[in-house]
Amino acid sequence: MKTNKKIGVEYYGYCVINEKNNPVLNGHYILMEYMPESLISFIKKQQSKNQMLKEKHLWFLFLHIARGIAHIHNLTPPLAHRDMKVENVLITHTRVVSKEHISVDSNHDNLSKTEMQMLLKICDFGMYFNTPSPSPPPKKKKRKPLSVKVDIWALGVIFFIMAFLQHPFPDGNKMQILDAKYSIPDSHPYSKK
């Protein structure tokens, strides 16, 4: 399995643990490169200094995140991350953002059937085992399977948090989230583009 270093976290391998004596350890584990900081810790540092990101830096960081997500959305079949949030964005030593996901080379036809099934299972983990996102996208009345649209909503929430150092739905009010009602702070250093 090849990874695309420019887009995602370097993937080294995976293992499945199925211990009868210690079921707490059971699960799928991914071995990937060490990422020293998360986006949430970076944002908290900015908050403590009461300093918003410069517009250029904001776009630089956000575009790296969006490119990583676009990469998995453009796979065949498309993969949705389903657990996008600032806690899951990791930052390298050089401050280039990488998304916490497996970024498979787009030519993944040479993967064995077993490797592809394992990859899909690991990428699908977000729906079942990861922590809940602080503000899920609005849902329609009919229950449809999750699609890549859930990641697009989450990217908007991440961008808002990065830009204004606060959550667009700070109270977690479900009606506010369903109606997508948020307000942009009056004072900010960003252009109107």
C-alpha atoms as a PDB file:
ATOM      1  CA  MET A   1       0.000   0.000   0.000  1.00  0.00           C
ATOM      2  CA  LYS A   2       1.474   3.366  -1.006  1.00  0.00           C
ATOM      3  CA  THR A   3       0.781   6.595   0.799  1.00  0.00           C
ATOM      4  CA  ASN A   4       0.891  10.103  -0.527  1.00  0.00           C
ATOM      5  CA  LYS A   5       3.145  12.004   1.886  1.00  0.00           C
ATOM      6  CA  LYS A   6       2.147  15.367   0.428  1.00  0.00           C
ATOM      7  CA  ILE A   7      -1.485  14.857   1.372  1.00  0.00           C
ATOM      8  CA  GLY A   8      -1.820  12.722   4.463  1.00  0.00           C
ATOM      9  CA  VAL A   9      -0.057  11.178   7.394  1.00  0.00           C
ATOM     10  CA  GLU A  10       2.613   8.606   6.488  1.00  0.00           C
ATOM     11  CA  TYR A  11       1.033   5.171   6.924  1.00  0.00           C
ATOM     12  CA  TYR A  12       3.317   2.355   8.101  1.00  0.00           C
ATOM     13  CA  GLY A  13       0.914  -0.532   8.604  1.00  0.00           C
ATOM     14  CA  TYR A  14      -1.923  -1.938  10.639  1.00  0.00           C
ATOM     15  CA  CYS A  15      -2.706  -4.847  12.881  1.00  0.00           C
ATOM     16  CA  VAL A  16      -5.788  -6.502  14.277  1.00  0.00           C
ATOM     17  CA  ILE A  17      -5.745  -7.649  17.889  1.00  0.00           C
ATOM     18  CA  ASN A  18      -8.249 -10.246  19.025  1.00  0.00           C
ATOM     19  CA  GLU A  19      -7.278 -11.270  22.560  1.00  0.00           C
ATOM     20  CA  LYS A  20      -9.709 -13.550  24.382  1.00  0.00           C
ATOM     21  CA  ASN A  21      -7.983 -12.943  27.743  1.00  0.00           C
ATOM     22  CA  ASN A  22      -7.931  -9.147  27.420  1.00  0.00           C
ATOM     23  CA  PRO A  23     -10.775  -7.936  25.143  1.00  0.00           C
ATOM     24  CA  VAL A  24     -10.089  -4.302  26.094  1.00  0.00           C
ATOM     25  CA  LEU A  25      -7.161  -4.363  23.649  1.00  0.00           C
ATOM     26  CA  ASN A  26      -9.207  -5.843  20.807  1.00  0.00           C
ATOM     27  CA  GLY A  27      -9.515  -3.737  17.711  1.00  0.00           C
ATOM     28  CA  HIS A  28      -7.895  -2.415  14.581  1.00  0.00           C
ATOM     29  CA  TYR A  29      -4.701  -0.411  15.079  1.00  0.00           C
ATOM     30  CA  ILE A  30      -2.968   1.885  12.618  1.00  0.00           C
ATOM     31  CA  LEU A  31       0.756   2.659  12.807  1.00  0.00           C
ATOM     32  CA  MET A  32       1.545   6.079  11.340  1.00  0.00           C
ATOM     33  CA  GLU A  33       4.142   8.816  11.605  1.00  0.00           C
ATOM     34  CA  TYR A  34       4.384  10.843  14.793  1.00  0.00           C
ATOM     35  CA  MET A  35       2.587  14.170  14.646  1.00  0.00           C
ATOM     36  CA  PRO A  36       3.687  16.449  17.505  1.00  0.00           C
ATOM     37  CA  GLU A  37       0.680  18.763  17.681  1.00  0.00           C
ATOM     38  CA  SER A  38      -3.028  18.821  16.986  1.00  0.00           C
ATOM     39  CA  LEU A  39      -4.919  21.698  15.450  1.00  0.00           C
ATOM     40  CA  ILE A  40      -6.947  22.058  18.657  1.00  0.00           C
ATOM     41  CA  SER A  41      -3.785  22.636  20.736  1.00  0.00           C
ATOM     42  CA  PHE A  42      -2.568  25.166  18.158  1.00  0.00           C
ATOM     43  CA  ILE A  43      -5.934  26.980  18.302  1.00  0.00           C
ATOM     44  CA  LYS A  44      -5.853  26.990  22.121  1.00  0.00           C
ATOM     45  CA  LYS A  45      -2.418  28.652  22.001  1.00  0.00           C
ATOM     46  CA  GLN A  46      -3.845  31.316  19.673  1.00  0.00           C
ATOM     47  CA  GLN A  47      -6.815  31.785  22.030  1.00  0.00           C
ATOM     48  CA  SER A  48      -4.524  32.205  25.044  1.00  0.00           C
ATOM     49  CA  LYS A  49      -2.705  34.986  23.160  1.00  0.00           C
ATOM     50  CA  ASN A  50      -6.076  36.369  21.984  1.00  0.00           C
ATOM     51  CA  GLN A  51      -4.603  36.352  18.495  1.00  0.00           C
ATOM     52  CA  MET A  52      -6.475  35.272  15.368  1.00  0.00           C
ATOM     53  CA  LEU A  53      -4.564  33.667  12.531  1.00  0.00           C
ATOM     54  CA  LYS A  54      -3.341  35.853   9.712  1.00  0.00           C
ATOM     55  CA  GLU A  55      -5.534  35.370   6.649  1.00  0.00           C
ATOM     56  CA  LYS A  56      -2.662  33.918   4.611  1.00  0.00           C
ATOM     57  CA  HIS A  57      -1.866  31.384   7.351  1.00  0.00           C
ATOM     58  CA  LEU A  58      -5.551  30.506   7.795  1.00  0.00           C
ATOM     59  CA  TRP A  59      -5.939  29.681   4.086  1.00  0.00           C
ATOM     60  CA  PHE A  60      -2.636  27.783   4.008  1.00  0.00           C
ATOM     61  CA  LEU A  61      -3.692  25.510   6.866  1.00  0.00           C
ATOM     62  CA  PHE A  62      -7.255  25.058   5.655  1.00  0.00           C
ATOM     63  CA  LEU A  63      -6.252  24.212   2.087  1.00  0.00           C
ATOM     64  CA  HIS A  64      -3.973  21.426   3.359  1.00  0.00           C
ATOM     65  CA  ILE A  65      -6.871  19.938   5.310  1.00  0.00           C
ATOM     66  CA  ALA A  66      -9.273  20.289   2.371  1.00  0.00           C
ATOM     67  CA  ARG A  67      -6.786  18.682  -0.052  1.00  0.00           C
ATOM     68  CA  GLY A  68      -6.414  15.668   2.216  1.00  0.00           C
ATOM     69  CA  ILE A  69     -10.170  15.219   2.381  1.00  0.00           C
ATOM     70  CA  ALA A  70     -10.541  15.802  -1.374  1.00  0.00           C
ATOM     71  CA  HIS A  71      -7.999  13.025  -1.906  1.00  0.00           C
ATOM     72  CA  ILE A  72     -10.061  10.393  -0.085  1.00  0.00           C
ATOM     73  CA  HIS A  73     -13.293  11.708  -1.638  1.00  0.00           C
ATOM     74  CA  ASN A  74     -11.787  11.239  -5.120  1.00  0.00           C
ATOM     75  CA  LEU A  75     -10.888   7.583  -4.570  1.00  0.00           C
ATOM     76  CA  THR A  76     -12.951   4.916  -6.306  1.00  0.00           C
ATOM     77  CA  PRO A  77     -15.116   4.226  -4.410  1.00  0.00           C
ATOM     78  CA  PRO A  78     -15.116   7.568  -2.575  1.00  0.00           C
ATOM     79  CA  LEU A  79     -14.295   7.386   1.128  1.00  0.00           C
ATOM     80  CA  ALA A  80     -15.807   9.690   3.731  1.00  0.00           C
ATOM     81  CA  HIS A  81     -13.792  10.429   6.864  1.00  0.00           C
ATOM     82  CA  ARG A  82     -16.964  10.887   8.967  1.00  0.00           C
ATOM     83  CA  ASP A  83     -15.107  12.178  12.028  1.00  0.00           C
ATOM     84  CA  MET A  84     -13.724  15.515  10.893  1.00  0.00           C
ATOM     85  CA  LYS A  85     -13.054  17.909  13.769  1.00  0.00           C
ATOM     86  CA  VAL A  86     -10.209  20.090  15.001  1.00  0.00           C
ATOM     87  CA  GLU A  87      -9.155  17.372  17.459  1.00  0.00           C
ATOM     88  CA  ASN A  88      -8.429  15.040  14.521  1.00  0.00           C
ATOM     89  CA  VAL A  89      -6.229  17.385  12.517  1.00  0.00           C
ATOM     90  CA  LEU A  90      -2.562  16.819  13.270  1.00  0.00           C
ATOM     91  CA  ILE A  91       0.347  19.135  12.531  1.00  0.00           C
ATOM     92  CA  THR A  92       3.915  18.181  11.593  1.00  0.00           C
ATOM     93  CA  HIS A  93       7.121  19.799  12.838  1.00  0.00           C
ATOM     94  CA  THR A  94       7.148  22.088   9.815  1.00  0.00           C
ATOM     95  CA  ARG A  95       3.618  23.317  10.561  1.00  0.00           C
ATOM     96  CA  VAL A  96       2.217  21.685   7.438  1.00  0.00           C
ATOM     97  CA  VAL A  97      -1.139  20.209   8.304  1.00  0.00           C
ATOM     98  CA  SER A  98      -1.881  16.571   7.684  1.00  0.00           C
ATOM     99  CA  LYS A  99      -5.274  14.993   8.134  1.00  0.00           C
ATOM    100  CA  GLU A 100      -5.529  12.030  10.454  1.00  0.00           C
ATOM    101  CA  HIS A 101      -6.520   9.456   7.882  1.00  0.00           C
ATOM    102  CA  ILE A 102      -4.953   6.882   5.650  1.00  0.00           C
ATOM    103  CA  SER A 103      -4.107   8.559   2.390  1.00  0.00           C
ATOM    104  CA  VAL A 104      -3.847   5.851  -0.223  1.00  0.00           C
ATOM    105  CA  ASP A 105      -2.173   6.480  -3.550  1.00  0.00           C
ATOM    106  CA  SER A 106      -4.948   7.086  -6.075  1.00  0.00           C
ATOM    107  CA  ASN A 107      -3.723   4.116  -8.087  1.00  0.00           C
ATOM    108  CA  HIS A 108      -4.931   1.563  -5.566  1.00  0.00           C
ATOM    109  CA  ASP A 109      -5.927  -1.049  -8.129  1.00  0.00           C
ATOM    110  CA  ASN A 110      -2.792  -3.044  -7.231  1.00  0.00           C
ATOM    111  CA  LEU A 111      -3.932  -3.517  -3.622  1.00  0.00           C
ATOM    112  CA  SER A 112      -4.897  -7.056  -2.760  1.00  0.00           C
ATOM    113  CA  LYS A 113      -8.570  -7.654  -2.042  1.00  0.00           C
ATOM    114  CA  THR A 114      -7.702  -8.225   1.642  1.00  0.00           C
ATOM    115  CA  GLU A 115      -5.725  -4.951   1.869  1.00  0.00           C
ATOM    116  CA  MET A 116      -8.550  -3.015   0.233  1.00  0.00           C
ATOM    117  CA  GLN A 117     -11.157  -4.553   2.545  1.00  0.00           C
ATOM    118  CA  MET A 118      -8.990  -3.713   5.565  1.00  0.00           C
ATOM    119  CA  LEU A 119      -8.470  -0.159   4.321  1.00  0.00           C
ATOM    120  CA  LEU A 120     -12.200   0.339   3.821  1.00  0.00           C
ATOM    121  CA  LYS A 121     -12.879  -1.134   7.259  1.00  0.00           C
ATOM    122  CA  ILE A 122     -10.331   1.181   8.907  1.00  0.00           C
ATOM    123  CA  CYS A 123     -11.579   4.261   7.027  1.00  0.00           C
ATOM    124  CA  ASP A 124     -15.135   3.321   7.995  1.00  0.00           C
ATOM    125  CA  PHE A 125     -14.157   3.241  11.681  1.00  0.00           C
ATOM    126  CA  GLY A 126     -15.177   6.866  12.216  1.00  0.00           C
ATOM    127  CA  MET A 127     -18.842   6.017  11.908  1.00  0.00           C
ATOM    128  CA  TYR A 128     -18.742   3.441  14.702  1.00  0.00           C
ATOM    129  CA  PHE A 129     -15.853   3.928  17.105  1.00  0.00           C
ATOM    130  CA  ASN A 130     -14.625   7.511  17.085  1.00  0.00           C
ATOM    131  CA  THR A 131     -15.775  10.262  19.377  1.00  0.00           C
ATOM    132  CA  PRO A 132     -18.849  12.196  18.291  1.00  0.00           C
ATOM    133  CA  SER A 133     -18.360  15.399  16.359  1.00  0.00           C
ATOM    134  CA  PRO A 134     -19.394  18.495  18.308  1.00  0.00           C
ATOM    135  CA  SER A 135     -21.894  19.608  15.657  1.00  0.00           C
ATOM    136  CA  PRO A 136     -23.122  17.094  13.126  1.00  0.00           C
ATOM    137  CA  PRO A 137     -24.509  18.314   9.831  1.00  0.00           C
ATOM    138  CA  PRO A 138     -28.237  18.902   9.587  1.00  0.00           C
ATOM    139  CA  LYS A 139     -30.090  15.717   8.712  1.00  0.00           C
ATOM    140  CA  LYS A 140     -33.072  15.398   6.460  1.00  0.00           C
ATOM    141  CA  LYS A 141     -36.140  13.503   7.629  1.00  0.00           C
ATOM    142  CA  LYS A 142     -35.385  10.457   5.483  1.00  0.00           C
ATOM    143  CA  ARG A 143     -32.457   8.429   6.786  1.00  0.00           C
ATOM    144  CA  LYS A 144     -29.902   8.095   4.007  1.00  0.00           C
ATOM    145  CA  PRO A 145     -26.456   6.568   4.286  1.00  0.00           C
ATOM    146  CA  LEU A 146     -23.726   9.031   5.204  1.00  0.00           C
ATOM    147  CA  SER A 147     -21.840  10.412   2.238  1.00  0.00           C
ATOM    148  CA  VAL A 148     -18.879  12.690   1.682  1.00  0.00           C
ATOM    149  CA  LYS A 149     -21.265  15.602   2.372  1.00  0.00           C
ATOM    150  CA  VAL A 150     -20.801  15.029   6.101  1.00  0.00           C
ATOM    151  CA  ASP A 151     -17.095  15.896   5.645  1.00  0.00           C
ATOM    152  CA  ILE A 152     -17.942  19.076   3.715  1.00  0.00           C
ATOM    153  CA  TRP A 153     -20.133  20.284   6.596  1.00  0.00           C
ATOM    154  CA  ALA A 154     -17.350  19.455   9.060  1.00  0.00           C
ATOM    155  CA  LEU A 155     -14.790  21.360   6.944  1.00  0.00           C
ATOM    156  CA  GLY A 156     -16.982  24.451   7.285  1.00  0.00           C
ATOM    157  CA  VAL A 157     -17.088  24.044  11.069  1.00  0.00           C
ATOM    158  CA  ILE A 158     -13.299  23.553  11.180  1.00  0.00           C
ATOM    159  CA  PHE A 159     -12.738  26.652   9.042  1.00  0.00           C
ATOM    160  CA  PHE A 160     -14.970  28.742  11.330  1.00  0.00           C
ATOM    161  CA  ILE A 161     -13.110  27.534  14.438  1.00  0.00           C
ATOM    162  CA  MET A 162      -9.730  28.236  12.814  1.00  0.00           C
ATOM    163  CA  ALA A 163     -10.795  31.703  11.679  1.00  0.00           C
ATOM    164  CA  PHE A 164     -12.585  32.959  14.779  1.00  0.00           C
ATOM    165  CA  LEU A 165     -11.103  30.727  17.511  1.00  0.00           C
ATOM    166  CA  GLN A 166     -14.597  29.753  18.608  1.00  0.00           C
ATOM    167  CA  HIS A 167     -17.197  27.196  17.634  1.00  0.00           C
ATOM    168  CA  PRO A 168     -20.022  28.353  15.321  1.00  0.00           C
ATOM    169  CA  PHE A 169     -22.510  26.513  17.568  1.00  0.00           C
ATOM    170  CA  PRO A 170     -20.973  27.001  21.035  1.00  0.00           C
ATOM    171  CA  ASP A 171     -24.034  25.827  22.970  1.00  0.00           C
ATOM    172  CA  GLY A 172     -24.543  22.739  20.841  1.00  0.00           C
ATOM    173  CA  ASN A 173     -28.155  23.863  20.381  1.00  0.00           C
ATOM    174  CA  LYS A 174     -29.640  21.249  18.045  1.00  0.00           C
ATOM    175  CA  MET A 175     -32.135  23.660  16.480  1.00  0.00           C
ATOM    176  CA  GLN A 176     -29.351  26.163  15.821  1.00  0.00           C
ATOM    177  CA  ILE A 177     -27.330  23.409  14.158  1.00  0.00           C
ATOM    178  CA  LEU A 178     -30.298  22.072  12.158  1.00  0.00           C
ATOM    179  CA  ASP A 179     -31.103  25.580  10.940  1.00  0.00           C
ATOM    180  CA  ALA A 180     -27.377  26.236  10.335  1.00  0.00           C
ATOM    181  CA  LYS A 181     -27.732  29.510  12.264  1.00  0.00           C
ATOM    182  CA  TYR A 182     -24.455  31.049  13.305  1.00  0.00           C
ATOM    183  CA  SER A 183     -23.048  34.541  13.411  1.00  0.00           C
ATOM    184  CA  ILE A 184     -19.677  35.836  12.314  1.00  0.00           C
ATOM    185  CA  PRO A 185     -17.978  37.973  14.976  1.00  0.00           C
ATOM    186  CA  ASP A 186     -18.093  41.710  14.208  1.00  0.00           C
ATOM    187  CA  SER A 187     -14.399  42.306  14.687  1.00  0.00           C
ATOM    188  CA  HIS A 188     -11.961  40.153  12.749  1.00  0.00           C
ATOM    189  CA  PRO A 189      -8.855  40.791  10.633  1.00  0.00           C
ATOM    190  CA  TYR A 190     -10.120  39.083   7.470  1.00  0.00           C
ATOM    191  CA  SER A 191     -10.987  40.531   4.080  1.00  0.00           C
ATOM    192  CA  LYS A 192     -14.558  40.271   2.830  1.00  0.00           C
ATOM    193  CA  LYS A 193     -13.580  37.980  -0.068  1.00  0.00           C
END
